[in-house]
Amino acid sequence: MRISAKQFFYVLLGLNVVMQIASFALVYFFIPVSNAPFIIQYRMFGGGDVFGDRWALFIGPCTALIILVVNAMMAYAVFEKERSFSPMLLGMTAVYQALMLMYSFILIRVNTY
């Protein structure tokens, strides 16, 4: 079965959207509601560096959402002209989304244990 460029474009876009939703859901559902400050940035040797409330934990997923929207619009705009650049752009966005998903897991690990 051969997959077309348009189908590959939509598969990559769908993968990015699923990872984005998972990143938001992880932070929203697994971080408990508390008045205590949460660790936003953590250094291995120095411990917690930047602290904030629960909503400050969404800075990472919101940044990833902005990057996803901008890159998806650019990839869609250049799809007809450059069929090889569009999947590459969405592929790099998928790598960034995977990193943000790992960031969400780390936030949960640092702030709940």
Protein backbone atom coordinates (compact mmCIF):
# COMPACT_ATOMS: atom_id res chain seq x y z
CA MET A 1 0.00 0.00 0.00
CA ARG A 2 1.44 3.31 -1.06
CA ILE A 3 0.65 6.37 1.00
CA SER A 4 0.22 9.67 -0.81
CA ALA A 5 1.89 12.92 0.20
CA LYS A 6 -1.44 14.38 1.30
CA GLN A 7 -2.20 11.35 3.49
CA PHE A 8 1.28 11.53 5.02
CA PHE A 9 0.71 15.23 5.72
CA TYR A 10 -2.53 14.49 7.57
CA VAL A 11 -1.02 11.57 9.48
CA LEU A 12 1.82 13.78 10.73
CA LEU A 13 -0.62 16.56 11.59
CA GLY A 14 -2.82 14.10 13.48
CA LEU A 15 0.17 12.72 15.37
CA ASN A 16 1.13 16.25 16.40
CA VAL A 17 -2.39 17.05 17.57
CA VAL A 18 -2.64 13.82 19.59
CA MET A 19 0.69 14.52 21.33
CA GLN A 20 -0.42 18.10 22.03
CA ILE A 21 -3.70 16.97 23.59
CA ALA A 22 -1.84 14.35 25.64
CA SER A 23 0.58 16.99 26.92
CA PHE A 24 -2.25 19.27 28.06
CA ALA A 25 -4.19 16.36 29.56
CA LEU A 26 -1.21 15.05 31.52
CA VAL A 27 -0.53 18.40 33.14
CA TYR A 28 -4.21 19.11 33.77
CA PHE A 29 -5.25 15.75 35.22
CA PHE A 30 -2.14 14.54 37.02
CA ILE A 31 -0.99 17.71 38.79
CA PRO A 32 -3.06 18.13 41.99
CA VAL A 33 -4.84 21.38 42.78
CA SER A 34 -2.88 23.01 45.59
CA ASN A 35 -1.92 26.41 46.92
CA ALA A 36 1.70 25.34 47.29
CA PRO A 37 4.12 26.59 44.64
CA PHE A 38 4.95 24.15 41.87
CA ILE A 39 8.38 23.65 40.35
CA ILE A 40 8.43 25.01 36.80
CA GLN A 41 12.14 24.59 36.08
CA TYR A 42 14.27 21.95 37.78
CA ARG A 43 18.04 21.61 37.70
CA MET A 44 19.66 18.30 38.45
CA PHE A 45 22.28 19.63 40.86
CA GLY A 46 20.49 22.68 42.23
CA GLY A 47 16.93 21.44 42.64
CA GLY A 48 13.94 23.64 41.88
CA ASP A 49 14.85 26.92 40.19
CA VAL A 50 11.63 28.57 39.06
CA PHE A 51 8.40 28.22 41.02
CA GLY A 52 4.84 29.17 40.13
CA ASP A 53 1.19 28.30 40.54
CA ARG A 54 -0.60 25.43 38.80
CA TRP A 55 -1.45 27.45 35.70
CA ALA A 56 2.20 28.38 35.16
CA LEU A 57 2.82 24.69 34.42
CA PHE A 58 0.93 25.18 31.15
CA ILE A 59 3.62 27.47 29.69
CA GLY A 60 5.35 24.52 28.00
CA PRO A 61 2.23 22.99 26.40
CA CYS A 62 0.95 26.44 25.35
CA THR A 63 4.27 27.20 23.68
CA ALA A 64 4.08 23.86 21.88
CA LEU A 65 0.53 24.68 20.76
CA ILE A 66 1.65 28.00 19.27
CA ILE A 67 4.53 26.30 17.46
CA LEU A 68 2.17 23.58 16.19
CA VAL A 69 -0.34 26.09 14.82
CA VAL A 70 2.30 28.24 13.11
CA ASN A 71 4.15 25.27 11.61
CA ALA A 72 0.92 23.59 10.47
CA MET A 73 -0.19 26.78 8.72
CA MET A 74 3.21 27.17 7.06
CA ALA A 75 3.28 23.50 6.04
CA TYR A 76 -0.22 23.74 4.56
CA ALA A 77 0.64 26.97 2.73
CA VAL A 78 3.73 25.52 1.04
CA PHE A 79 2.33 22.01 0.47
CA GLU A 80 1.44 22.56 -3.18
CA LYS A 81 4.76 24.25 -4.01
CA GLU A 82 7.23 22.17 -1.98
CA ARG A 83 5.94 18.69 -1.23
CA SER A 84 9.18 17.65 0.46
CA PHE A 85 9.45 20.64 2.80
CA SER A 86 5.97 20.32 4.24
CA PRO A 87 6.37 16.84 5.81
CA MET A 88 9.83 17.79 7.05
CA LEU A 89 8.37 20.80 8.85
CA LEU A 90 5.62 18.71 10.42
CA GLY A 91 8.16 16.00 11.29
CA MET A 92 10.30 18.48 13.18
CA THR A 93 7.15 19.72 14.90
CA ALA A 94 6.45 16.12 15.93
CA VAL A 95 9.93 15.89 17.47
CA TYR A 96 9.24 19.09 19.42
CA GLN A 97 5.85 17.76 20.51
CA ALA A 98 7.51 14.57 21.75
CA LEU A 99 9.96 16.66 23.77
CA MET A 100 7.08 18.64 25.25
CA LEU A 101 5.35 15.37 26.13
CA MET A 102 8.50 14.27 27.98
CA TYR A 103 8.55 17.70 29.67
CA SER A 104 4.99 17.06 30.88
CA PHE A 105 6.00 13.68 32.33
CA ILE A 106 8.96 15.32 34.08
CA LEU A 107 6.71 18.06 35.49
CA ILE A 108 4.39 15.43 36.91
CA ARG A 109 7.27 13.43 38.35
CA VAL A 110 8.93 16.44 39.99
CA ASN A 111 5.75 17.98 41.38
CA THR A 112 3.95 14.90 42.69
CA TYR A 113 6.69 12.76 44.26
